[in-house]
């Protein structure tokens, strides 16, 4: 069954004619509580008042109840429509609308009203824009700095594929954390992330460190798509070669029958094993659990990340 946003158009038109994939029953360790606290309602009101989009809603994140109850939200700039059609993602696909010039200030206002100590900004892919939306990221970072100067900022960017100079624009705006997800192992890219290139994404993160060695870099993958343990460990090695500080590993959850099927549910014990291995390989920070997502507990994790670097440098 296709998720429909209106009577005219399916949310994922490119997936409409695909055969339905089986959906596995979730194990006990994946269950989450339904949202409904007063703080959750207040967070939703701030998002709606500022006419903002969040990845929490668009990607169907299982942690929305927990995060919004703590007044944490991940803002998705540049609209709710992506130019890519990844097999795992629930964000709407199609031709996006023009950028809103007032969006950076509206995001900054929401960050201030929520009192966020750490703000996470992500976006849809905007292959239709000359700079992939890099300048819009930079404007949003600067707007937050102006209204909330003590708030630390984490960006989760697209890959800026074939957008020369785009990465430099974002890095120059000085976010505290630069995140870009590899999403899966290289052998699954053609099926899961067909519009992207594994080594381009890896090189993007390596380039961040070359431009600003002090900037924290972060990347994440999903498991349960058919990858092997050895392939996950190879991705860890590739990330360390690119000097990535922080890795997140979470369970892939299938948004609909038209999306890539779950190969299996990885157990909490296996996630613990991945965490141990990742720390042994030299990551400063590791978040690995079935419900781990890129921005889940991002503020607390950033504090730990900073502390880990200080310990390593002896300060």
C-alpha atoms as a PDB file:
ATOM      1  CA  UNK A   1       0.000   0.000   0.000  1.00  0.00           C
ATOM      2  CA  UNK A   2       1.444   3.403  -0.956  1.00  0.00           C
ATOM      3  CA  UNK A   3       1.362   6.180   1.615  1.00  0.00           C
ATOM      4  CA  UNK A   4      -0.692   9.006   0.101  1.00  0.00           C
ATOM      5  CA  UNK A   5      -0.271  12.657   0.962  1.00  0.00           C
ATOM      6  CA  UNK A   6      -3.183  13.828  -1.086  1.00  0.00           C
ATOM      7  CA  UNK A   7      -5.695  12.263  -3.451  1.00  0.00           C
ATOM      8  CA  UNK A   8      -3.701  13.281  -6.506  1.00  0.00           C
ATOM      9  CA  UNK A   9      -0.168  12.111  -5.873  1.00  0.00           C
ATOM     10  CA  UNK A  10       1.568   9.286  -3.984  1.00  0.00           C
ATOM     11  CA  UNK A  11       4.366  10.197  -1.575  1.00  0.00           C
ATOM     12  CA  UNK A  12       6.830   8.048  -3.525  1.00  0.00           C
ATOM     13  CA  UNK A  13       5.705   8.029  -7.177  1.00  0.00           C
ATOM     14  CA  UNK A  14       8.912   6.294  -8.274  1.00  0.00           C
ATOM     15  CA  UNK A  15       8.072   3.352  -5.996  1.00  0.00           C
ATOM     16  CA  UNK A  16       4.365   3.077  -6.877  1.00  0.00           C
ATOM     17  CA  UNK A  17       4.784   0.272  -9.419  1.00  0.00           C
ATOM     18  CA  UNK A  18       7.223  -1.783  -7.374  1.00  0.00           C
ATOM     19  CA  UNK A  19       5.999  -5.103  -5.988  1.00  0.00           C
ATOM     20  CA  UNK A  20       5.014  -5.047  -2.334  1.00  0.00           C
ATOM     21  CA  UNK A  21       7.806  -6.202  -0.053  1.00  0.00           C
ATOM     22  CA  UNK A  22       7.140  -8.263   3.088  1.00  0.00           C
ATOM     23  CA  UNK A  23       7.183  -6.382   6.388  1.00  0.00           C
ATOM     24  CA  UNK A  24       8.634  -8.275   9.335  1.00  0.00           C
ATOM     25  CA  UNK A  25       7.073  -8.082  12.768  1.00  0.00           C
ATOM     26  CA  UNK A  26       9.166  -5.898  15.065  1.00  0.00           C
ATOM     27  CA  UNK A  27      10.869  -7.612  18.005  1.00  0.00           C
ATOM     28  CA  UNK A  28      10.359  -6.423  21.585  1.00  0.00           C
ATOM     29  CA  UNK A  29      13.514  -4.312  21.607  1.00  0.00           C
ATOM     30  CA  UNK A  30      12.200  -2.086  18.793  1.00  0.00           C
ATOM     31  CA  UNK A  31       8.921  -1.078  20.497  1.00  0.00           C
ATOM     32  CA  UNK A  32       8.525   2.605  21.440  1.00  0.00           C
ATOM     33  CA  UNK A  33       5.874   4.533  23.362  1.00  0.00           C
ATOM     34  CA  UNK A  34       3.355   6.641  21.485  1.00  0.00           C
ATOM     35  CA  UNK A  35       3.931  10.414  21.826  1.00  0.00           C
ATOM     36  CA  UNK A  36       1.562  12.529  23.894  1.00  0.00           C
ATOM     37  CA  UNK A  37       3.202  14.570  26.663  1.00  0.00           C
ATOM     38  CA  UNK A  38       2.552  18.340  27.148  1.00  0.00           C
ATOM     39  CA  UNK A  39       6.182  19.050  26.150  1.00  0.00           C
ATOM     40  CA  UNK A  40       5.649  17.051  22.952  1.00  0.00           C
ATOM     41  CA  UNK A  41       2.604  19.203  22.109  1.00  0.00           C
ATOM     42  CA  UNK A  42       4.585  22.376  22.840  1.00  0.00           C
ATOM     43  CA  UNK A  43       7.417  21.281  20.547  1.00  0.00           C
ATOM     44  CA  UNK A  44       4.918  20.530  17.782  1.00  0.00           C
ATOM     45  CA  UNK A  45       3.349  23.978  18.220  1.00  0.00           C
ATOM     46  CA  UNK A  46       6.736  25.730  17.890  1.00  0.00           C
ATOM     47  CA  UNK A  47       7.465  23.750  14.710  1.00  0.00           C
ATOM     48  CA  UNK A  48       4.025  24.562  13.273  1.00  0.00           C
ATOM     49  CA  UNK A  49       4.098  28.244  14.314  1.00  0.00           C
ATOM     50  CA  UNK A  50       7.375  28.685  12.430  1.00  0.00           C
ATOM     51  CA  UNK A  51       6.076  26.698   9.432  1.00  0.00           C
ATOM     52  CA  UNK A  52       9.062  24.353   9.628  1.00  0.00           C
ATOM     53  CA  UNK A  53       9.686  20.802   8.455  1.00  0.00           C
ATOM     54  CA  UNK A  54      11.350  18.225  10.708  1.00  0.00           C
ATOM     55  CA  UNK A  55      13.042  14.990   9.716  1.00  0.00           C
ATOM     56  CA  UNK A  56      11.428  13.539  12.847  1.00  0.00           C
ATOM     57  CA  UNK A  57       8.044  13.698  11.094  1.00  0.00           C
ATOM     58  CA  UNK A  58       9.031  13.278   7.446  1.00  0.00           C
ATOM     59  CA  UNK A  59      11.259  10.244   7.963  1.00  0.00           C
ATOM     60  CA  UNK A  60       8.862   8.653  10.453  1.00  0.00           C
ATOM     61  CA  UNK A  61      11.511   8.495  13.190  1.00  0.00           C
ATOM     62  CA  UNK A  62      10.647   6.026  15.961  1.00  0.00           C
ATOM     63  CA  UNK A  63      12.179   8.323  18.586  1.00  0.00           C
ATOM     64  CA  UNK A  64       9.927  11.337  17.972  1.00  0.00           C
ATOM     65  CA  UNK A  65       7.913  10.815  21.182  1.00  0.00           C
ATOM     66  CA  UNK A  66      11.020  10.730  23.349  1.00  0.00           C
ATOM     67  CA  UNK A  67      12.866  13.592  21.642  1.00  0.00           C
ATOM     68  CA  UNK A  68       9.945  16.010  21.307  1.00  0.00           C
ATOM     69  CA  UNK A  69       8.992  15.391  24.934  1.00  0.00           C
ATOM     70  CA  UNK A  70      12.457  16.743  25.758  1.00  0.00           C
ATOM     71  CA  UNK A  71      11.935  19.661  23.329  1.00  0.00           C
ATOM     72  CA  UNK A  72      14.497  18.283  20.893  1.00  0.00           C
ATOM     73  CA  UNK A  73      13.762  18.358  17.175  1.00  0.00           C
ATOM     74  CA  UNK A  74      15.856  18.014  14.019  1.00  0.00           C
ATOM     75  CA  UNK A  75      14.968  20.700  11.498  1.00  0.00           C
ATOM     76  CA  UNK A  76      14.881  19.748   7.818  1.00  0.00           C
ATOM     77  CA  UNK A  77      15.530  22.811   5.669  1.00  0.00           C
ATOM     78  CA  UNK A  78      14.873  23.451   1.978  1.00  0.00           C
ATOM     79  CA  UNK A  79      11.429  21.875   1.905  1.00  0.00           C
ATOM     80  CA  UNK A  80       9.912  18.442   2.374  1.00  0.00           C
ATOM     81  CA  UNK A  81      10.563  17.075  -1.125  1.00  0.00           C
ATOM     82  CA  UNK A  82      13.795  15.310  -2.100  1.00  0.00           C
ATOM     83  CA  UNK A  83      15.307  15.032  -5.585  1.00  0.00           C
ATOM     84  CA  UNK A  84      16.695  11.576  -4.780  1.00  0.00           C
ATOM     85  CA  UNK A  85      14.729   8.330  -4.408  1.00  0.00           C
ATOM     86  CA  UNK A  86      16.631   6.173  -1.936  1.00  0.00           C
ATOM     87  CA  UNK A  87      15.095   2.753  -1.319  1.00  0.00           C
ATOM     88  CA  UNK A  88      15.165   3.144   2.475  1.00  0.00           C
ATOM     89  CA  UNK A  89      13.878   6.675   2.953  1.00  0.00           C
ATOM     90  CA  UNK A  90      10.354   7.880   3.754  1.00  0.00           C
ATOM     91  CA  UNK A  91      10.935  11.526   2.760  1.00  0.00           C
ATOM     92  CA  UNK A  92       8.730  12.599  -0.166  1.00  0.00           C
ATOM     93  CA  UNK A  93      10.259  12.420  -3.667  1.00  0.00           C
ATOM     94  CA  UNK A  94       9.636  14.843  -6.501  1.00  0.00           C
ATOM     95  CA  UNK A  95      10.396  18.328  -7.782  1.00  0.00           C
ATOM     96  CA  UNK A  96      10.988  20.643  -4.796  1.00  0.00           C
ATOM     97  CA  UNK A  97       9.663  24.176  -4.461  1.00  0.00           C
ATOM     98  CA  UNK A  98      11.860  27.273  -4.489  1.00  0.00           C
ATOM     99  CA  UNK A  99      13.847  28.017  -1.343  1.00  0.00           C
ATOM    100  CA  UNK A 100      12.236  30.243   1.284  1.00  0.00           C
ATOM    101  CA  UNK A 101      14.413  33.267   2.031  1.00  0.00           C
ATOM    102  CA  UNK A 102      12.920  33.567   5.539  1.00  0.00           C
ATOM    103  CA  UNK A 103      13.552  29.941   6.542  1.00  0.00           C
ATOM    104  CA  UNK A 104      16.971  30.471   8.221  1.00  0.00           C
ATOM    105  CA  UNK A 105      15.463  33.088  10.557  1.00  0.00           C
ATOM    106  CA  UNK A 106      12.410  30.897  11.273  1.00  0.00           C
ATOM    107  CA  UNK A 107      14.680  27.987  12.208  1.00  0.00           C
ATOM    108  CA  UNK A 108      16.723  30.307  14.433  1.00  0.00           C
ATOM    109  CA  UNK A 109      13.536  31.515  16.145  1.00  0.00           C
ATOM    110  CA  UNK A 110      12.425  27.935  16.815  1.00  0.00           C
ATOM    111  CA  UNK A 111      15.870  27.043  18.220  1.00  0.00           C
ATOM    112  CA  UNK A 112      15.657  30.039  20.566  1.00  0.00           C
ATOM    113  CA  UNK A 113      12.056  29.277  21.649  1.00  0.00           C
ATOM    114  CA  UNK A 114      12.946  25.653  22.390  1.00  0.00           C
ATOM    115  CA  UNK A 115      16.025  26.776  24.296  1.00  0.00           C
ATOM    116  CA  UNK A 116      18.181  24.248  22.469  1.00  0.00           C
ATOM    117  CA  UNK A 117      21.730  23.864  23.754  1.00  0.00           C
ATOM    118  CA  UNK A 118      22.539  21.825  20.629  1.00  0.00           C
ATOM    119  CA  UNK A 119      20.680  22.268  17.332  1.00  0.00           C
ATOM    120  CA  UNK A 120      20.677  19.722  14.500  1.00  0.00           C
ATOM    121  CA  UNK A 121      19.959  20.919  10.962  1.00  0.00           C
ATOM    122  CA  UNK A 122      19.496  18.533   8.053  1.00  0.00           C
ATOM    123  CA  UNK A 123      17.933  18.832   4.608  1.00  0.00           C
ATOM    124  CA  UNK A 124      16.514  17.021   1.648  1.00  0.00           C
ATOM    125  CA  UNK A 125      18.818  16.504  -1.341  1.00  0.00           C
ATOM    126  CA  UNK A 126      18.538  19.480  -3.675  1.00  0.00           C
ATOM    127  CA  UNK A 127      20.263  18.348  -6.869  1.00  0.00           C
ATOM    128  CA  UNK A 128      18.221  21.031  -8.665  1.00  0.00           C
ATOM    129  CA  UNK A 129      20.236  23.849  -7.038  1.00  0.00           C
ATOM    130  CA  UNK A 130      23.627  24.997  -8.352  1.00  0.00           C
ATOM    131  CA  UNK A 131      25.215  24.690  -4.896  1.00  0.00           C
ATOM    132  CA  UNK A 132      23.027  21.835  -3.638  1.00  0.00           C
ATOM    133  CA  UNK A 133      21.702  24.201  -0.960  1.00  0.00           C
ATOM    134  CA  UNK A 134      25.080  24.889   0.663  1.00  0.00           C
ATOM    135  CA  UNK A 135      24.488  28.630   0.982  1.00  0.00           C
ATOM    136  CA  UNK A 136      21.101  27.997   2.614  1.00  0.00           C
ATOM    137  CA  UNK A 137      22.850  25.799   5.202  1.00  0.00           C
ATOM    138  CA  UNK A 138      25.378  28.578   5.818  1.00  0.00           C
ATOM    139  CA  UNK A 139      22.643  31.215   6.227  1.00  0.00           C
ATOM    140  CA  UNK A 140      20.804  28.964   8.705  1.00  0.00           C
ATOM    141  CA  UNK A 141      23.961  28.388  10.763  1.00  0.00           C
ATOM    142  CA  UNK A 142      24.638  32.137  10.905  1.00  0.00           C
ATOM    143  CA  UNK A 143      21.030  32.953  11.817  1.00  0.00           C
ATOM    144  CA  UNK A 144      21.183  30.535  14.772  1.00  0.00           C
ATOM    145  CA  UNK A 145      24.528  31.979  15.870  1.00  0.00           C
ATOM    146  CA  UNK A 146      22.996  35.456  15.878  1.00  0.00           C
ATOM    147  CA  UNK A 147      19.974  34.623  18.050  1.00  0.00           C
ATOM    148  CA  UNK A 148      21.455  31.783  20.157  1.00  0.00           C
ATOM    149  CA  UNK A 149      25.220  32.398  20.351  1.00  0.00           C
ATOM    150  CA  UNK A 150      25.847  29.690  22.947  1.00  0.00           C
ATOM    151  CA  UNK A 151      23.970  26.969  21.047  1.00  0.00           C
ATOM    152  CA  UNK A 152      26.223  24.410  19.377  1.00  0.00           C
ATOM    153  CA  UNK A 153      25.250  23.464  15.834  1.00  0.00           C
ATOM    154  CA  UNK A 154      25.349  20.125  14.042  1.00  0.00           C
ATOM    155  CA  UNK A 155      24.613  19.828  10.338  1.00  0.00           C
ATOM    156  CA  UNK A 156      23.620  16.622   8.563  1.00  0.00           C
ATOM    157  CA  UNK A 157      24.179  17.461   4.908  1.00  0.00           C
ATOM    158  CA  UNK A 158      23.546  15.873   1.514  1.00  0.00           C
ATOM    159  CA  UNK A 159      26.585  14.663  -0.436  1.00  0.00           C
ATOM    160  CA  UNK A 160      26.817  17.765  -2.684  1.00  0.00           C
ATOM    161  CA  UNK A 161      27.583  15.435  -5.589  1.00  0.00           C
ATOM    162  CA  UNK A 162      28.903  17.402  -8.603  1.00  0.00           C
ATOM    163  CA  UNK A 163      28.499  20.701  -6.696  1.00  0.00           C
ATOM    164  CA  UNK A 164      31.988  22.199  -6.761  1.00  0.00           C
ATOM    165  CA  UNK A 165      32.684  24.568  -3.875  1.00  0.00           C
ATOM    166  CA  UNK A 166      29.506  23.648  -1.968  1.00  0.00           C
ATOM    167  CA  UNK A 167      31.234  21.833   0.878  1.00  0.00           C
ATOM    168  CA  UNK A 168      33.576  24.754   1.451  1.00  0.00           C
ATOM    169  CA  UNK A 169      30.614  27.122   1.878  1.00  0.00           C
ATOM    170  CA  UNK A 170      29.160  25.001   4.705  1.00  0.00           C
ATOM    171  CA  UNK A 171      32.494  24.443   6.460  1.00  0.00           C
ATOM    172  CA  UNK A 172      33.265  28.170   6.301  1.00  0.00           C
ATOM    173  CA  UNK A 173      30.064  28.832   8.297  1.00  0.00           C
ATOM    174  CA  UNK A 174      31.686  26.843  11.136  1.00  0.00           C
ATOM    175  CA  UNK A 175      29.158  24.298  12.400  1.00  0.00           C
ATOM    176  CA  UNK A 176      30.440  22.450  15.465  1.00  0.00           C
ATOM    177  CA  UNK A 177      29.717  19.018  13.959  1.00  0.00           C
ATOM    178  CA  UNK A 178      29.640  18.093  10.281  1.00  0.00           C
ATOM    179  CA  UNK A 179      27.591  14.940   9.723  1.00  0.00           C
ATOM    180  CA  UNK A 180      27.002  13.124   6.457  1.00  0.00           C
ATOM    181  CA  UNK A 181      25.727   9.550   6.501  1.00  0.00           C
ATOM    182  CA  UNK A 182      27.245   6.763   4.413  1.00  0.00           C
ATOM    183  CA  UNK A 183      23.965   4.913   5.165  1.00  0.00           C
ATOM    184  CA  UNK A 184      25.097   1.391   4.158  1.00  0.00           C
ATOM    185  CA  UNK A 185      27.983  -0.733   2.912  1.00  0.00           C
ATOM    186  CA  UNK A 186      29.351  -0.106  -0.608  1.00  0.00           C
ATOM    187  CA  UNK A 187      27.962  -3.331  -2.145  1.00  0.00           C
ATOM    188  CA  UNK A 188      24.385  -2.263  -1.331  1.00  0.00           C
ATOM    189  CA  UNK A 189      24.600   1.269  -2.783  1.00  0.00           C
ATOM    190  CA  UNK A 190      23.123   0.445  -6.175  1.00  0.00           C
ATOM    191  CA  UNK A 191      20.016  -1.049  -4.533  1.00  0.00           C
ATOM    192  CA  UNK A 192      19.663   1.150  -1.430  1.00  0.00           C
ATOM    193  CA  UNK A 193      21.246   4.509  -2.297  1.00  0.00           C
ATOM    194  CA  UNK A 194      21.393   4.565  -6.110  1.00  0.00           C
ATOM    195  CA  UNK A 195      21.826   8.327  -6.520  1.00  0.00           C
ATOM    196  CA  UNK A 196      24.928   8.451  -4.308  1.00  0.00           C
ATOM    197  CA  UNK A 197      28.539   7.255  -4.505  1.00  0.00           C
ATOM    198  CA  UNK A 198      30.167   5.609  -1.480  1.00  0.00           C
ATOM    199  CA  UNK A 199      33.680   6.921  -2.021  1.00  0.00           C
ATOM    200  CA  UNK A 200      32.434  10.409  -2.843  1.00  0.00           C
ATOM    201  CA  UNK A 201      30.610  10.522   0.505  1.00  0.00           C
ATOM    202  CA  UNK A 202      33.714   9.231   2.288  1.00  0.00           C
ATOM    203  CA  UNK A 203      35.900  11.793   0.550  1.00  0.00           C
ATOM    204  CA  UNK A 204      33.450  14.582   1.481  1.00  0.00           C
ATOM    205  CA  UNK A 205      33.976  13.854   5.177  1.00  0.00           C
ATOM    206  CA  UNK A 206      37.736  13.544   4.760  1.00  0.00           C
ATOM    207  CA  UNK A 207      37.765  16.934   3.011  1.00  0.00           C
ATOM    208  CA  UNK A 208      35.978  18.556   5.985  1.00  0.00           C
ATOM    209  CA  UNK A 209      38.961  17.631   8.177  1.00  0.00           C
ATOM    210  CA  UNK A 210      41.401  18.998   5.604  1.00  0.00           C
ATOM    211  CA  UNK A 211      39.531  22.312   5.547  1.00  0.00           C
ATOM    212  CA  UNK A 212      39.099  22.530   9.338  1.00  0.00           C
ATOM    213  CA  UNK A 213      40.957  19.916  11.429  1.00  0.00           C
ATOM    214  CA  UNK A 214      39.167  21.103  14.594  1.00  0.00           C
ATOM    215  CA  UNK A 215      35.671  20.435  13.240  1.00  0.00           C
ATOM    216  CA  UNK A 216      34.063  17.228  14.496  1.00  0.00           C
ATOM    217  CA  UNK A 217      32.948  14.827  11.756  1.00  0.00           C
ATOM    218  CA  UNK A 218      30.256  12.215  12.085  1.00  0.00           C
ATOM    219  CA  UNK A 219      28.682   9.549   9.905  1.00  0.00           C
ATOM    220  CA  UNK A 220      26.182   6.735  10.276  1.00  0.00           C
ATOM    221  CA  UNK A 221      25.009   3.490   8.748  1.00  0.00           C
ATOM    222  CA  UNK A 222      21.901   1.335   9.003  1.00  0.00           C
ATOM    223  CA  UNK A 223      22.145  -2.406   9.520  1.00  0.00           C
ATOM    224  CA  UNK A 224      19.658  -5.148   8.741  1.00  0.00           C
ATOM    225  CA  UNK A 225      19.680  -4.553   4.982  1.00  0.00           C
ATOM    226  CA  UNK A 226      21.707  -7.636   4.079  1.00  0.00           C
ATOM    227  CA  UNK A 227      25.222  -6.461   4.923  1.00  0.00           C
ATOM    228  CA  UNK A 228      27.740  -8.779   6.580  1.00  0.00           C
ATOM    229  CA  UNK A 229      29.616  -8.151   9.831  1.00  0.00           C
ATOM    230  CA  UNK A 230      32.886  -8.020   7.878  1.00  0.00           C
ATOM    231  CA  UNK A 231      31.466  -5.345   5.556  1.00  0.00           C
ATOM    232  CA  UNK A 232      30.404  -3.209   8.540  1.00  0.00           C
ATOM    233  CA  UNK A 233      33.912  -3.469   9.981  1.00  0.00           C
ATOM    234  CA  UNK A 234      35.375  -2.453   6.610  1.00  0.00           C
ATOM    235  CA  UNK A 235      33.149   0.664   6.619  1.00  0.00           C
ATOM    236  CA  UNK A 236      34.474   1.448  10.118  1.00  0.00           C
ATOM    237  CA  UNK A 237      38.041   1.182   8.787  1.00  0.00           C
ATOM    238  CA  UNK A 238      37.185   3.410   5.820  1.00  0.00           C
ATOM    239  CA  UNK A 239      35.681   5.996   8.187  1.00  0.00           C
ATOM    240  CA  UNK A 240      38.759   5.973  10.399  1.00  0.00           C
ATOM    241  CA  UNK A 241      40.988   6.406   7.337  1.00  0.00           C
ATOM    242  CA  UNK A 242      38.928   9.537   6.623  1.00  0.00           C
ATOM    243  CA  UNK A 243      39.490  10.614  10.266  1.00  0.00           C
ATOM    244  CA  UNK A 244      35.779  10.529  11.169  1.00  0.00           C
ATOM    245  CA  UNK A 245      35.282  11.132  14.900  1.00  0.00           C
ATOM    246  CA  UNK A 246      31.808   9.752  15.561  1.00  0.00           C
ATOM    247  CA  UNK A 247      29.947   6.750  14.119  1.00  0.00           C
ATOM    248  CA  UNK A 248      26.247   5.941  14.564  1.00  0.00           C
ATOM    249  CA  UNK A 249      24.841   2.475  13.805  1.00  0.00           C
ATOM    250  CA  UNK A 250      21.093   1.793  13.922  1.00  0.00           C
ATOM    251  CA  UNK A 251      18.544  -0.745  12.745  1.00  0.00           C
ATOM    252  CA  UNK A 252      16.905  -0.108   9.368  1.00  0.00           C
ATOM    253  CA  UNK A 253      13.128   0.085   9.738  1.00  0.00           C
ATOM    254  CA  UNK A 254      11.011  -0.309   6.612  1.00  0.00           C
ATOM    255  CA  UNK A 255       8.645   2.670   6.101  1.00  0.00           C
ATOM    256  CA  UNK A 256       6.229   0.853   3.754  1.00  0.00           C
ATOM    257  CA  UNK A 257       5.820  -2.242   1.589  1.00  0.00           C
ATOM    258  CA  UNK A 258       7.228  -0.264  -1.350  1.00  0.00           C
ATOM    259  CA  UNK A 259      10.553   0.348   0.411  1.00  0.00           C
ATOM    260  CA  UNK A 260      13.536  -2.009   0.667  1.00  0.00           C
ATOM    261  CA  UNK A 261      12.696  -5.026   2.799  1.00  0.00           C
ATOM    262  CA  UNK A 262      14.360  -5.651   6.145  1.00  0.00           C
ATOM    263  CA  UNK A 263      16.788  -8.548   5.810  1.00  0.00           C
ATOM    264  CA  UNK A 264      16.830  -9.164   9.570  1.00  0.00           C
ATOM    265  CA  UNK A 265      16.624  -7.474  12.965  1.00  0.00           C
ATOM    266  CA  UNK A 266      20.091  -7.112  14.461  1.00  0.00           C
ATOM    267  CA  UNK A 267      20.108  -7.995  18.160  1.00  0.00           C
ATOM    268  CA  UNK A 268      21.059  -5.566  20.947  1.00  0.00           C
ATOM    269  CA  UNK A 269      24.019  -7.864  21.727  1.00  0.00           C
ATOM    270  CA  UNK A 270      25.326  -7.506  18.158  1.00  0.00           C
ATOM    271  CA  UNK A 271      25.026  -3.724  18.423  1.00  0.00           C
ATOM    272  CA  UNK A 272      27.039  -3.853  21.648  1.00  0.00           C
ATOM    273  CA  UNK A 273      29.683  -5.825  19.777  1.00  0.00           C
ATOM    274  CA  UNK A 274      29.811  -3.202  17.027  1.00  0.00           C
ATOM    275  CA  UNK A 275      30.202  -0.486  19.671  1.00  0.00           C
ATOM    276  CA  UNK A 276      33.158  -2.285  21.277  1.00  0.00           C
ATOM    277  CA  UNK A 277      34.858  -2.809  17.908  1.00  0.00           C
ATOM    278  CA  UNK A 278      34.305   0.812  16.813  1.00  0.00           C
ATOM    279  CA  UNK A 279      35.903   2.190  19.985  1.00  0.00           C
ATOM    280  CA  UNK A 280      38.832  -0.213  19.496  1.00  0.00           C
ATOM    281  CA  UNK A 281      39.289   1.181  15.983  1.00  0.00           C
ATOM    282  CA  UNK A 282      39.740   4.676  17.389  1.00  0.00           C
ATOM    283  CA  UNK A 283      36.401   6.511  17.113  1.00  0.00           C
ATOM    284  CA  UNK A 284      36.014   9.218  19.759  1.00  0.00           C
ATOM    285  CA  UNK A 285      32.293   8.533  20.045  1.00  0.00           C
ATOM    286  CA  UNK A 286      30.090   5.583  19.112  1.00  0.00           C
ATOM    287  CA  UNK A 287      26.295   5.278  19.244  1.00  0.00           C
ATOM    288  CA  UNK A 288      25.158   1.772  18.296  1.00  0.00           C
ATOM    289  CA  UNK A 289      21.744   0.394  19.194  1.00  0.00           C
ATOM    290  CA  UNK A 290      18.555  -0.714  17.415  1.00  0.00           C
ATOM    291  CA  UNK A 291      16.951   2.741  17.811  1.00  0.00           C
ATOM    292  CA  UNK A 292      20.082   4.822  17.214  1.00  0.00           C
ATOM    293  CA  UNK A 293      19.499   7.566  14.659  1.00  0.00           C
ATOM    294  CA  UNK A 294      21.861  10.330  13.483  1.00  0.00           C
ATOM    295  CA  UNK A 295      20.420  13.023  15.725  1.00  0.00           C
ATOM    296  CA  UNK A 296      19.097  10.906  18.601  1.00  0.00           C
ATOM    297  CA  UNK A 297      20.619  12.245  21.861  1.00  0.00           C
ATOM    298  CA  UNK A 298      22.801  14.498  19.682  1.00  0.00           C
ATOM    299  CA  UNK A 299      23.275  17.149  22.384  1.00  0.00           C
ATOM    300  CA  UNK A 300      24.380  14.697  25.086  1.00  0.00           C
ATOM    301  CA  UNK A 301      26.556  12.872  22.566  1.00  0.00           C
ATOM    302  CA  UNK A 302      28.220  16.129  21.508  1.00  0.00           C
ATOM    303  CA  UNK A 303      29.188  16.854  25.111  1.00  0.00           C
ATOM    304  CA  UNK A 304      30.716  13.366  25.360  1.00  0.00           C
ATOM    305  CA  UNK A 305      32.446  13.818  22.012  1.00  0.00           C
ATOM    306  CA  UNK A 306      34.066  17.048  23.160  1.00  0.00           C
ATOM    307  CA  UNK A 307      35.114  15.449  26.442  1.00  0.00           C
ATOM    308  CA  UNK A 308      36.621  12.466  24.620  1.00  0.00           C
ATOM    309  CA  UNK A 309      38.746  14.741  22.439  1.00  0.00           C
ATOM    310  CA  UNK A 310      39.913  16.664  25.512  1.00  0.00           C
ATOM    311  CA  UNK A 311      40.940  13.416  27.222  1.00  0.00           C
ATOM    312  CA  UNK A 312      42.769  12.216  24.130  1.00  0.00           C
ATOM    313  CA  UNK A 313      44.709  15.473  23.794  1.00  0.00           C
ATOM    314  CA  UNK A 314      45.462  15.532  27.535  1.00  0.00           C
ATOM    315  CA  UNK A 315      43.540  18.768  28.269  1.00  0.00           C
END
